[in-house]
């Protein structure tokens, strides 16, 4: 059963960071475009190209040709969070859906477009009891440790912050200029800031079935992510001091 329909969601934007995806891009892009068409609402898809060194850019150019609701924006270097941020800053529709080229869902898109008016964002959580997480054990463990750390550092109620999410554009615009993180935790920080501002975020179970190995090396991400999390904790502490001194 889907959530109560919010008739204010009349259109949507999909943002997809893309990096060296020539093996899966065209098949996945066509599937995403098809499920967007099935929503029967105006939409746009923004491919935020992320410094690819293979044929990904040419494939995106081929795919978007003749589609006036599909666009590509470019980064000159690989930075997932910055690519996501640039995409979020480019959208024009009421709600923004974050998909990866290898992780998307028609069911989640439907749920996002039926988001209860009491919530400003929806997250597909891999850690709910009803979720189906078929990733490798090491990646599941990494997610569990990551969530444990953010709960300790930021007292968030969220059980997951990575993966598919939908956020109302108004709330993105309110917070995006305050976000200091790129790379691995841009979207995590954005959700934390939205939650700390008093807005409600809903979670639904995720089904994760990897269609190919991760393009990032987990053991290089771990120290980088930890550094970013503690940097964010210090930044929020400074902001709280400034607020208390007003």
Protein backbone atom coordinates (compact mmCIF):
# COMPACT_ATOMS: atom_id res chain seq x y z
CA UNK A 1 0.00 0.00 0.00
CA UNK A 2 1.38 3.40 -1.00
CA UNK A 3 1.27 6.52 1.10
CA UNK A 4 -1.45 9.14 1.00
CA UNK A 5 -1.38 11.03 -2.27
CA UNK A 6 -0.14 14.59 -2.13
CA UNK A 7 -1.75 16.39 -5.05
CA UNK A 8 0.85 19.17 -4.83
CA UNK A 9 3.43 16.91 -6.49
CA UNK A 10 2.64 17.69 -10.10
CA UNK A 11 6.05 17.09 -11.64
CA UNK A 12 9.43 15.63 -10.75
CA UNK A 13 13.12 15.73 -11.51
CA UNK A 14 15.50 12.76 -11.49
CA UNK A 15 19.20 13.38 -10.82
CA UNK A 16 21.68 10.63 -11.73
CA UNK A 17 25.42 11.02 -11.06
CA UNK A 18 27.33 9.11 -13.73
CA UNK A 19 30.97 8.01 -13.76
CA UNK A 20 32.54 5.51 -16.20
CA UNK A 21 29.26 3.69 -16.81
CA UNK A 22 29.63 2.65 -20.46
CA UNK A 23 28.83 -1.00 -19.72
CA UNK A 24 25.43 -0.34 -18.14
CA UNK A 25 24.46 3.20 -19.14
CA UNK A 26 22.19 2.76 -22.16
CA UNK A 27 20.21 -0.18 -20.81
CA UNK A 28 19.69 1.47 -17.42
CA UNK A 29 18.96 4.93 -18.86
CA UNK A 30 16.26 3.49 -21.10
CA UNK A 31 14.68 1.67 -18.15
CA UNK A 32 14.70 4.83 -16.02
CA UNK A 33 13.21 6.90 -18.84
CA UNK A 34 10.47 4.29 -19.34
CA UNK A 35 9.39 4.25 -15.69
CA UNK A 36 9.38 8.06 -15.64
CA UNK A 37 7.05 8.10 -18.66
CA UNK A 38 4.73 5.68 -16.85
CA UNK A 39 4.13 8.23 -14.07
CA UNK A 40 2.12 10.40 -16.49
CA UNK A 41 3.55 13.59 -15.02
CA UNK A 42 5.95 16.18 -16.46
CA UNK A 43 9.51 15.20 -15.59
CA UNK A 44 13.14 15.85 -16.36
CA UNK A 45 16.22 13.64 -16.05
CA UNK A 46 19.57 15.24 -15.34
CA UNK A 47 22.67 13.13 -15.90
CA UNK A 48 25.42 14.71 -13.80
CA UNK A 49 28.51 13.40 -15.56
CA UNK A 50 31.33 13.00 -13.13
CA UNK A 51 34.70 13.12 -14.92
CA UNK A 52 34.33 9.90 -16.91
CA UNK A 53 37.35 8.63 -18.84
CA UNK A 54 35.55 6.04 -20.98
CA UNK A 55 32.78 6.48 -23.57
CA UNK A 56 30.11 7.46 -21.04
CA UNK A 57 29.83 11.08 -22.22
CA UNK A 58 29.23 10.03 -25.83
CA UNK A 59 26.60 7.54 -24.69
CA UNK A 60 24.80 10.23 -22.67
CA UNK A 61 24.90 12.59 -25.64
CA UNK A 62 23.40 9.86 -27.82
CA UNK A 63 20.68 9.08 -25.29
CA UNK A 64 19.53 12.65 -24.66
CA UNK A 65 19.48 13.61 -28.36
CA UNK A 66 15.91 14.47 -29.31
CA UNK A 67 14.66 14.30 -25.71
CA UNK A 68 13.81 17.80 -24.51
CA UNK A 69 13.38 16.57 -20.92
CA UNK A 70 16.83 14.95 -20.59
CA UNK A 71 20.01 16.90 -19.94
CA UNK A 72 23.67 16.42 -19.13
CA UNK A 73 25.82 18.58 -16.91
CA UNK A 74 29.57 18.03 -16.51
CA UNK A 75 32.21 17.87 -13.84
CA UNK A 76 35.83 17.81 -14.91
CA UNK A 77 36.83 15.41 -12.14
CA UNK A 78 35.36 12.47 -10.24
CA UNK A 79 33.41 13.60 -7.18
CA UNK A 80 30.12 11.82 -6.56
CA UNK A 81 28.80 14.27 -3.99
CA UNK A 82 29.63 17.32 -6.09
CA UNK A 83 27.97 15.73 -9.11
CA UNK A 84 24.86 15.14 -7.01
CA UNK A 85 24.95 18.69 -5.68
CA UNK A 86 25.33 20.17 -9.17
CA UNK A 87 22.37 18.12 -10.31
CA UNK A 88 20.22 19.23 -7.38
CA UNK A 89 21.07 22.85 -8.12
CA UNK A 90 19.95 22.41 -11.74
CA UNK A 91 16.47 21.00 -11.18
CA UNK A 92 13.25 22.91 -11.82
CA UNK A 93 10.47 20.58 -10.66
CA UNK A 94 8.63 20.13 -7.36
CA UNK A 95 10.33 17.00 -6.04
CA UNK A 96 13.81 15.69 -6.76
CA UNK A 97 14.54 11.97 -7.04
CA UNK A 98 18.11 10.74 -6.59
CA UNK A 99 18.86 7.54 -8.50
CA UNK A 100 22.14 5.87 -9.40
CA UNK A 101 22.47 4.44 -12.87
CA UNK A 102 22.64 0.95 -11.31
CA UNK A 103 20.17 1.52 -8.47
CA UNK A 104 16.65 2.74 -9.25
CA UNK A 105 13.10 1.60 -8.67
CA UNK A 106 9.68 2.21 -10.17
CA UNK A 107 8.10 1.38 -6.81
CA UNK A 108 10.23 4.00 -5.05
CA UNK A 109 9.37 6.59 -7.70
CA UNK A 110 5.67 5.93 -7.15
CA UNK A 111 6.12 6.22 -3.39
CA UNK A 112 7.99 9.51 -3.81
CA UNK A 113 5.19 10.97 -5.92
CA UNK A 114 2.67 9.93 -3.26
CA UNK A 115 4.66 11.41 -0.39
CA UNK A 116 2.48 12.43 2.53
CA UNK A 117 2.31 16.19 2.93
CA UNK A 118 3.70 15.89 6.48
CA UNK A 119 7.08 14.77 5.10
CA UNK A 120 9.60 16.70 3.03
CA UNK A 121 11.77 13.75 2.00
CA UNK A 122 11.67 10.02 1.45
CA UNK A 123 14.62 7.64 1.84
CA UNK A 124 14.86 4.04 0.64
CA UNK A 125 16.52 2.37 3.61
CA UNK A 126 18.51 -0.82 3.22
CA UNK A 127 18.35 -1.43 6.98
CA UNK A 128 14.63 -1.75 7.69
CA UNK A 129 13.34 -5.19 8.62
CA UNK A 130 11.38 -5.47 5.36
CA UNK A 131 14.37 -4.47 3.21
CA UNK A 132 16.10 -6.91 0.85
CA UNK A 133 19.83 -6.19 0.74
CA UNK A 134 21.67 -8.56 -1.58
CA UNK A 135 24.99 -6.71 -1.53
CA UNK A 136 28.22 -8.34 -0.40
CA UNK A 137 28.73 -8.87 3.32
CA UNK A 138 31.55 -6.30 3.49
CA UNK A 139 29.32 -3.61 2.00
CA UNK A 140 26.48 -4.45 4.38
CA UNK A 141 28.90 -4.22 7.31
CA UNK A 142 30.24 -0.89 6.06
CA UNK A 143 26.71 0.50 5.89
CA UNK A 144 25.93 -0.67 9.43
CA UNK A 145 29.09 0.92 10.83
CA UNK A 146 28.46 4.14 8.89
CA UNK A 147 24.90 4.44 10.23
CA UNK A 148 26.09 3.68 13.76
CA UNK A 149 28.62 6.52 13.53
CA UNK A 150 26.18 9.10 12.17
CA UNK A 151 23.66 8.21 14.86
CA UNK A 152 26.32 8.80 17.52
CA UNK A 153 27.66 12.00 15.98
CA UNK A 154 24.42 13.62 14.78
CA UNK A 155 21.59 11.95 16.74
CA UNK A 156 19.68 11.30 13.54
CA UNK A 157 16.59 9.11 13.50
CA UNK A 158 17.40 7.89 9.98
CA UNK A 159 18.40 4.26 9.49
CA UNK A 160 20.10 4.92 6.14
CA UNK A 161 21.19 7.99 4.18
CA UNK A 162 22.79 6.50 1.06
CA UNK A 163 21.00 5.33 -2.04
CA UNK A 164 17.62 6.33 -3.45
CA UNK A 165 15.97 9.38 -1.97
CA UNK A 166 13.38 12.01 -2.85
CA UNK A 167 13.44 15.55 -1.47
CA UNK A 168 11.12 18.47 -2.08
CA UNK A 169 12.94 21.12 -4.09
CA UNK A 170 11.99 23.92 -1.66
CA UNK A 171 13.81 22.11 1.15
CA UNK A 172 16.86 21.48 -1.01
CA UNK A 173 17.04 25.18 -1.80
CA UNK A 174 16.83 26.09 1.90
CA UNK A 175 19.79 23.92 2.89
CA UNK A 176 22.05 23.24 -0.08
CA UNK A 177 24.22 26.33 0.33
CA UNK A 178 24.96 25.32 3.91
CA UNK A 179 26.25 21.88 2.95
CA UNK A 180 30.05 21.66 3.21
CA UNK A 181 30.46 18.01 2.21
CA UNK A 182 31.02 16.58 -1.24
CA UNK A 183 32.41 13.18 -2.18
CA UNK A 184 30.71 10.46 -0.13
CA UNK A 185 28.45 12.30 2.32
CA UNK A 186 26.88 15.23 0.47
CA UNK A 187 23.44 13.62 0.56
CA UNK A 188 23.93 12.46 4.15
CA UNK A 189 24.68 16.00 5.29
CA UNK A 190 21.77 17.42 3.31
CA UNK A 191 19.34 15.02 5.01
CA UNK A 192 20.85 15.70 8.44
CA UNK A 193 20.46 19.44 7.97
CA UNK A 194 16.86 19.05 6.80
CA UNK A 195 16.10 16.92 9.86
CA UNK A 196 17.86 19.35 12.22
CA UNK A 197 15.72 22.15 10.80
CA UNK A 198 12.64 20.39 12.17
CA UNK A 199 11.30 18.72 9.04
CA UNK A 200 10.14 15.11 8.87
CA UNK A 201 11.77 12.48 6.65
CA UNK A 202 10.01 9.21 5.86
CA UNK A 203 11.72 5.89 5.18
CA UNK A 204 10.58 2.90 3.11
CA UNK A 205 12.21 -0.52 2.67
CA UNK A 206 14.75 -0.83 -0.11
CA UNK A 207 15.47 -3.75 -2.40
CA UNK A 208 19.12 -3.77 -3.46
CA UNK A 209 20.39 -6.15 -6.11
CA UNK A 210 23.73 -5.05 -7.53
CA UNK A 211 23.91 -5.32 -11.31
CA UNK A 212 27.69 -4.93 -11.33
CA UNK A 213 30.54 -4.42 -8.83
CA UNK A 214 30.84 -0.99 -7.20
CA UNK A 215 32.95 1.45 -9.22
CA UNK A 216 34.47 2.85 -6.03
CA UNK A 217 36.92 0.99 -3.81
CA UNK A 218 35.41 0.68 -0.34
CA UNK A 219 38.74 0.61 1.49
CA UNK A 220 39.74 3.99 0.06
CA UNK A 221 36.32 5.45 0.87
CA UNK A 222 36.33 4.50 4.55
CA UNK A 223 39.07 6.89 5.82
CA UNK A 224 37.84 9.65 3.51
CA UNK A 225 34.28 9.24 4.78
CA UNK A 226 35.33 9.20 8.44
CA UNK A 227 37.32 12.39 7.94
CA UNK A 228 34.31 14.05 6.29
CA UNK A 229 31.97 12.99 9.09
CA UNK A 230 34.17 14.45 11.84
CA UNK A 231 34.67 17.61 9.80
CA UNK A 232 30.90 17.96 9.54
CA UNK A 233 30.46 17.32 13.27
CA UNK A 234 32.91 20.16 14.00
CA UNK A 235 31.15 22.45 11.52
CA UNK A 236 27.74 21.85 13.08
CA UNK A 237 29.23 22.44 16.53
CA UNK A 238 30.58 25.82 15.37
CA UNK A 239 27.21 26.71 13.86
CA UNK A 240 25.47 25.86 17.13
CA UNK A 241 27.82 28.16 19.01
CA UNK A 242 27.08 30.99 16.61
CA UNK A 243 23.35 30.40 17.03
CA UNK A 244 23.62 30.40 20.82
CA UNK A 245 25.51 33.69 20.73
CA UNK A 246 22.80 35.50 18.80
